[in-house]
């Protein structure tokens, strides 16, 4: 597995959440779609499969949506899930970190380039 910061991947399942949050800030469908277009140039989208959903049903992670994220991450060989909701991922087999940690890693990566 490669370092997760260099790969910059996000589950396609997250795009609707990102759209909703961006639209709440911009109050503009056009501006929100521009944000998504920019996001798509920065991040590779990971598909969530039916197998991910099936495995999430028997996951020890209590929140089903979070369990789907973990299963998608495992199948996609993701090193780390970035979320503000770290406490919901205590039983995750994938490392979890907060956005602040990701920002620090991105800054460090930019300094070495």
N, C-alpha and C. Protein backbone atom coordinates (compact mmCIF):
# COMPACT_ATOMS: atom_id res chain seq x y z
N UNK A 1 0.84 -1.19 0.00
CA UNK A 1 0.00 0.00 0.00
C UNK A 1 0.87 1.25 0.00
N UNK A 2 0.43 2.24 -0.72
CA UNK A 2 1.15 3.50 -0.76
C UNK A 2 0.63 4.41 0.34
N UNK A 3 1.40 5.46 0.59
CA UNK A 3 0.99 6.44 1.60
C UNK A 3 -0.33 7.06 1.18
N UNK A 4 -1.30 7.12 2.10
CA UNK A 4 -2.66 7.54 1.73
C UNK A 4 -2.73 8.98 1.26
N UNK A 5 -1.82 9.84 1.70
CA UNK A 5 -1.88 11.24 1.29
C UNK A 5 -1.54 11.37 -0.19
N UNK A 6 -0.60 10.59 -0.67
CA UNK A 6 -0.21 10.71 -2.07
C UNK A 6 -1.29 10.20 -3.01
N UNK A 7 -2.15 9.33 -2.55
CA UNK A 7 -3.17 8.77 -3.42
C UNK A 7 -4.44 9.60 -3.47
N UNK A 8 -4.80 10.27 -2.43
CA UNK A 8 -5.96 11.17 -2.40
C UNK A 8 -7.19 10.54 -3.02
N UNK A 9 -7.77 9.59 -2.31
CA UNK A 9 -8.97 8.90 -2.78
C UNK A 9 -10.12 9.13 -1.81
N UNK A 10 -11.32 9.14 -2.32
CA UNK A 10 -12.50 9.29 -1.49
C UNK A 10 -13.61 8.41 -2.05
N UNK A 11 -14.43 7.83 -1.18
CA UNK A 11 -15.51 6.99 -1.69
C UNK A 11 -16.56 7.81 -2.43
N UNK A 12 -17.03 7.28 -3.55
CA UNK A 12 -18.08 7.96 -4.30
C UNK A 12 -19.31 8.18 -3.41
N UNK A 13 -19.50 7.30 -2.46
CA UNK A 13 -20.61 7.41 -1.52
C UNK A 13 -20.59 8.75 -0.76
N UNK A 14 -19.42 9.33 -0.60
CA UNK A 14 -19.29 10.60 0.13
C UNK A 14 -19.69 11.82 -0.69
N UNK A 15 -19.76 11.68 -1.99
CA UNK A 15 -19.98 12.84 -2.86
C UNK A 15 -21.31 13.53 -2.56
N UNK A 16 -22.35 12.77 -2.28
CA UNK A 16 -23.64 13.41 -1.98
C UNK A 16 -23.57 14.20 -0.68
N UNK A 17 -22.83 13.69 0.29
CA UNK A 17 -22.64 14.43 1.55
C UNK A 17 -21.86 15.72 1.30
N UNK A 18 -20.82 15.61 0.49
CA UNK A 18 -20.01 16.79 0.17
C UNK A 18 -20.85 17.81 -0.58
N UNK A 19 -21.66 17.33 -1.52
CA UNK A 19 -22.55 18.24 -2.26
C UNK A 19 -23.47 18.99 -1.29
N UNK A 20 -24.08 18.24 -0.39
CA UNK A 20 -25.02 18.83 0.58
C UNK A 20 -24.32 19.91 1.41
N UNK A 21 -23.15 19.60 1.95
CA UNK A 21 -22.43 20.56 2.79
C UNK A 21 -21.98 21.78 2.00
N UNK A 22 -21.48 21.56 0.79
CA UNK A 22 -21.03 22.69 -0.04
C UNK A 22 -22.22 23.56 -0.44
N UNK A 23 -23.34 22.93 -0.74
CA UNK A 23 -24.53 23.70 -1.14
C UNK A 23 -25.05 24.52 0.04
N UNK A 24 -24.96 23.98 1.24
CA UNK A 24 -25.37 24.75 2.43
C UNK A 24 -24.53 26.01 2.58
N UNK A 25 -23.27 25.92 2.20
CA UNK A 25 -22.38 27.08 2.30
C UNK A 25 -22.57 28.07 1.15
N UNK A 26 -22.75 27.55 -0.07
CA UNK A 26 -22.79 28.42 -1.24
C UNK A 26 -24.20 28.87 -1.62
N UNK A 27 -25.20 28.07 -1.25
CA UNK A 27 -26.59 28.32 -1.65
C UNK A 27 -26.73 28.41 -3.17
N UNK A 28 -25.84 27.72 -3.88
CA UNK A 28 -25.84 27.78 -5.34
C UNK A 28 -25.49 26.42 -5.92
N UNK A 29 -26.40 25.88 -6.72
CA UNK A 29 -26.13 24.60 -7.37
C UNK A 29 -24.93 24.72 -8.31
N UNK A 30 -24.85 25.81 -9.05
CA UNK A 30 -23.75 26.02 -9.99
C UNK A 30 -22.40 26.05 -9.27
N UNK A 31 -22.32 26.81 -8.18
CA UNK A 31 -21.07 26.90 -7.42
C UNK A 31 -20.72 25.55 -6.78
N UNK A 32 -21.72 24.86 -6.28
CA UNK A 32 -21.49 23.56 -5.66
C UNK A 32 -20.96 22.57 -6.69
N UNK A 33 -21.51 22.59 -7.87
CA UNK A 33 -21.03 21.69 -8.92
C UNK A 33 -19.59 22.03 -9.34
N UNK A 34 -19.23 23.30 -9.29
CA UNK A 34 -17.84 23.69 -9.57
C UNK A 34 -16.92 23.11 -8.51
N UNK A 35 -17.38 23.16 -7.26
CA UNK A 35 -16.59 22.58 -6.16
C UNK A 35 -16.40 21.09 -6.39
N UNK A 36 -17.47 20.40 -6.76
CA UNK A 36 -17.37 18.96 -7.01
C UNK A 36 -16.43 18.68 -8.18
N UNK A 37 -16.51 19.48 -9.23
CA UNK A 37 -15.61 19.29 -10.38
C UNK A 37 -14.15 19.42 -9.95
N UNK A 38 -13.87 20.39 -9.11
CA UNK A 38 -12.50 20.57 -8.58
C UNK A 38 -12.11 19.36 -7.74
N UNK A 39 -13.02 18.91 -6.90
CA UNK A 39 -12.78 17.74 -6.07
C UNK A 39 -12.41 16.53 -6.93
N UNK A 40 -13.13 16.36 -8.04
CA UNK A 40 -12.88 15.21 -8.91
C UNK A 40 -11.52 15.27 -9.58
N UNK A 41 -10.93 16.46 -9.69
CA UNK A 41 -9.58 16.56 -10.24
C UNK A 41 -8.53 16.28 -9.18
N UNK A 42 -8.90 16.43 -7.92
CA UNK A 42 -7.96 16.24 -6.81
C UNK A 42 -7.99 14.83 -6.23
N UNK A 43 -9.16 14.19 -6.28
CA UNK A 43 -9.36 12.89 -5.65
C UNK A 43 -9.88 11.87 -6.65
N UNK A 44 -9.36 10.67 -6.55
CA UNK A 44 -9.89 9.54 -7.30
C UNK A 44 -11.09 9.01 -6.51
N UNK A 45 -12.20 8.76 -7.19
CA UNK A 45 -13.39 8.26 -6.50
C UNK A 45 -13.37 6.74 -6.44
N UNK A 46 -13.64 6.22 -5.25
CA UNK A 46 -13.72 4.78 -5.04
C UNK A 46 -15.18 4.34 -5.07
N UNK A 47 -15.45 3.30 -5.83
CA UNK A 47 -16.81 2.78 -5.87
C UNK A 47 -17.09 1.92 -4.64
N UNK A 48 -18.30 2.01 -4.14
CA UNK A 48 -18.77 1.11 -3.09
C UNK A 48 -19.53 -0.01 -3.79
N UNK A 49 -19.19 -1.24 -3.47
CA UNK A 49 -19.80 -2.38 -4.16
C UNK A 49 -20.88 -3.03 -3.31
N UNK A 50 -21.63 -3.91 -3.94
CA UNK A 50 -22.65 -4.65 -3.20
C UNK A 50 -22.00 -5.52 -2.13
N UNK A 51 -20.81 -6.03 -2.40
CA UNK A 51 -20.10 -6.84 -1.41
C UNK A 51 -19.74 -6.00 -0.18
N UNK A 52 -19.32 -4.76 -0.40
CA UNK A 52 -19.03 -3.86 0.72
C UNK A 52 -20.26 -3.72 1.61
N UNK A 53 -21.41 -3.53 0.98
CA UNK A 53 -22.67 -3.36 1.73
C UNK A 53 -23.04 -4.63 2.48
N UNK A 54 -22.84 -5.78 1.84
CA UNK A 54 -23.15 -7.06 2.50
C UNK A 54 -22.24 -7.30 3.70
N UNK A 55 -20.95 -7.03 3.53
CA UNK A 55 -20.01 -7.23 4.63
C UNK A 55 -20.30 -6.27 5.78
N UNK A 56 -20.73 -5.06 5.46
CA UNK A 56 -21.02 -4.06 6.49
C UNK A 56 -22.16 -4.49 7.41
N UNK A 57 -23.07 -5.31 6.89
CA UNK A 57 -24.20 -5.79 7.70
C UNK A 57 -23.70 -6.56 8.92
N UNK A 58 -22.64 -7.33 8.76
CA UNK A 58 -22.13 -8.14 9.87
C UNK A 58 -20.93 -7.49 10.57
N UNK A 59 -20.66 -6.25 10.27
CA UNK A 59 -19.54 -5.53 10.88
C UNK A 59 -19.80 -5.24 12.35
N UNK A 60 -18.73 -5.17 13.11
CA UNK A 60 -18.84 -4.79 14.53
C UNK A 60 -19.03 -3.29 14.69
N UNK A 61 -18.86 -2.54 13.62
CA UNK A 61 -19.07 -1.09 13.67
C UNK A 61 -20.56 -0.83 13.70
N UNK A 62 -21.01 -0.12 14.73
CA UNK A 62 -22.43 0.07 14.98
C UNK A 62 -23.18 0.85 13.92
N UNK A 63 -22.56 1.88 13.36
CA UNK A 63 -23.23 2.71 12.36
C UNK A 63 -23.03 2.07 10.98
N UNK A 64 -24.14 1.74 10.31
CA UNK A 64 -24.06 1.03 9.04
C UNK A 64 -23.31 1.82 7.97
N UNK A 65 -23.55 3.12 7.88
CA UNK A 65 -22.84 3.94 6.88
C UNK A 65 -21.33 3.92 7.13
N UNK A 66 -20.94 4.02 8.40
CA UNK A 66 -19.52 3.95 8.74
C UNK A 66 -18.95 2.58 8.39
N UNK A 67 -19.73 1.54 8.65
CA UNK A 67 -19.29 0.18 8.33
C UNK A 67 -19.07 0.02 6.83
N UNK A 68 -19.93 0.62 6.02
CA UNK A 68 -19.75 0.58 4.57
C UNK A 68 -18.44 1.28 4.18
N UNK A 69 -18.17 2.42 4.81
CA UNK A 69 -16.92 3.14 4.52
C UNK A 69 -15.71 2.26 4.83
N UNK A 70 -15.76 1.57 5.97
CA UNK A 70 -14.64 0.70 6.36
C UNK A 70 -14.48 -0.44 5.36
N UNK A 71 -15.57 -1.07 4.98
CA UNK A 71 -15.48 -2.18 4.03
C UNK A 71 -14.95 -1.72 2.67
N UNK A 72 -15.37 -0.55 2.23
CA UNK A 72 -14.85 0.02 0.98
C UNK A 72 -13.36 0.29 1.12
N UNK A 73 -12.95 0.82 2.26
CA UNK A 73 -11.53 1.12 2.51
C UNK A 73 -10.70 -0.15 2.53
N UNK A 74 -11.21 -1.19 3.18
CA UNK A 74 -10.47 -2.46 3.25
C UNK A 74 -10.27 -3.02 1.84
N UNK A 75 -11.36 -3.11 1.08
CA UNK A 75 -11.28 -3.67 -0.27
C UNK A 75 -10.36 -2.84 -1.17
N UNK A 76 -10.35 -1.54 -0.97
CA UNK A 76 -9.55 -0.64 -1.81
C UNK A 76 -8.13 -0.44 -1.29
N UNK A 77 -7.81 -1.15 -0.20
CA UNK A 77 -6.48 -1.09 0.42
C UNK A 77 -6.10 0.33 0.83
N UNK A 78 -7.04 1.02 1.45
CA UNK A 78 -6.82 2.37 1.96
C UNK A 78 -6.09 2.27 3.29
N UNK A 79 -5.10 3.12 3.48
CA UNK A 79 -4.33 3.11 4.72
C UNK A 79 -5.05 3.80 5.87
N UNK A 80 -5.86 4.80 5.56
CA UNK A 80 -6.45 5.61 6.62
C UNK A 80 -7.76 6.24 6.15
N UNK A 81 -8.74 6.26 7.05
CA UNK A 81 -10.01 6.95 6.81
C UNK A 81 -9.92 8.28 7.55
N UNK A 82 -10.28 9.36 6.86
CA UNK A 82 -10.25 10.69 7.47
C UNK A 82 -11.67 11.10 7.80
N UNK A 83 -11.91 11.40 9.08
CA UNK A 83 -13.24 11.78 9.54
C UNK A 83 -13.14 12.59 10.82
N UNK A 84 -14.13 13.46 11.03
CA UNK A 84 -14.21 14.17 12.31
C UNK A 84 -14.80 13.26 13.37
N UNK A 85 -15.39 12.18 12.96
CA UNK A 85 -16.14 11.29 13.83
C UNK A 85 -15.32 10.05 14.21
N UNK A 86 -14.11 10.25 14.67
CA UNK A 86 -13.18 9.16 14.97
C UNK A 86 -13.77 8.16 15.96
N UNK A 87 -14.53 8.64 16.92
CA UNK A 87 -15.06 7.76 17.98
C UNK A 87 -15.97 6.65 17.43
N UNK A 88 -16.60 6.88 16.29
CA UNK A 88 -17.47 5.86 15.71
C UNK A 88 -16.69 4.74 15.01
N UNK A 89 -15.39 4.90 14.89
CA UNK A 89 -14.57 3.93 14.16
C UNK A 89 -13.63 3.16 15.08
N UNK A 90 -13.95 3.06 16.36
CA UNK A 90 -13.04 2.39 17.30
C UNK A 90 -12.82 0.92 16.95
N UNK A 91 -13.75 0.28 16.28
CA UNK A 91 -13.60 -1.13 15.92
C UNK A 91 -13.15 -1.31 14.47
N UNK A 92 -12.71 -0.25 13.85
CA UNK A 92 -12.28 -0.30 12.45
C UNK A 92 -10.95 -1.03 12.31
N UNK A 93 -10.85 -1.82 11.25
CA UNK A 93 -9.59 -2.48 10.93
C UNK A 93 -8.68 -1.55 10.12
N UNK A 94 -9.21 -0.40 9.76
CA UNK A 94 -8.45 0.60 9.01
C UNK A 94 -8.14 1.75 9.96
N UNK A 95 -6.93 2.27 9.89
CA UNK A 95 -6.55 3.42 10.71
C UNK A 95 -7.51 4.57 10.42
N UNK A 96 -7.81 5.36 11.44
CA UNK A 96 -8.71 6.51 11.30
C UNK A 96 -8.01 7.73 11.88
N UNK A 97 -8.11 8.86 11.18
CA UNK A 97 -7.53 10.10 11.70
C UNK A 97 -8.47 11.27 11.42
N UNK A 98 -8.27 12.34 12.15
CA UNK A 98 -9.09 13.54 11.99
C UNK A 98 -8.55 14.39 10.85
N UNK A 99 -9.40 15.26 10.26
CA UNK A 99 -8.96 16.13 9.17
C UNK A 99 -7.73 16.97 9.51
N UNK A 100 -7.60 17.40 10.76
CA UNK A 100 -6.44 18.19 11.18
C UNK A 100 -5.15 17.41 10.92
N UNK A 101 -5.20 16.13 11.20
CA UNK A 101 -4.03 15.27 10.96
C UNK A 101 -3.72 15.20 9.47
N UNK A 102 -4.76 15.05 8.65
CA UNK A 102 -4.55 15.02 7.21
C UNK A 102 -3.94 16.32 6.71
N UNK A 103 -4.44 17.43 7.20
CA UNK A 103 -3.91 18.74 6.78
C UNK A 103 -2.43 18.84 7.12
N UNK A 104 -2.05 18.39 8.32
CA UNK A 104 -0.64 18.42 8.71
C UNK A 104 0.20 17.55 7.78
N UNK A 105 -0.32 16.37 7.44
CA UNK A 105 0.41 15.49 6.53
C UNK A 105 0.55 16.10 5.14
N UNK A 106 -0.51 16.74 4.66
CA UNK A 106 -0.46 17.41 3.35
C UNK A 106 0.56 18.55 3.36
N UNK A 107 0.58 19.31 4.45
CA UNK A 107 1.55 20.40 4.57
C UNK A 107 2.97 19.87 4.56
N UNK A 108 3.20 18.78 5.30
CA UNK A 108 4.53 18.16 5.33
C UNK A 108 4.92 17.66 3.94
N UNK A 109 3.95 17.06 3.25
CA UNK A 109 4.21 16.54 1.90
C UNK A 109 4.58 17.68 0.95
N UNK A 110 3.88 18.81 1.06
CA UNK A 110 4.16 19.97 0.20
C UNK A 110 5.53 20.56 0.49
N UNK A 111 5.96 20.52 1.75
CA UNK A 111 7.27 21.06 2.13
C UNK A 111 8.40 20.24 1.53
N UNK A 112 8.19 18.95 1.35
CA UNK A 112 9.24 18.08 0.83
C UNK A 112 9.29 18.07 -0.69
N UNK A 113 8.28 18.63 -1.34
CA UNK A 113 8.26 18.65 -2.82
C UNK A 113 9.12 19.74 -3.38
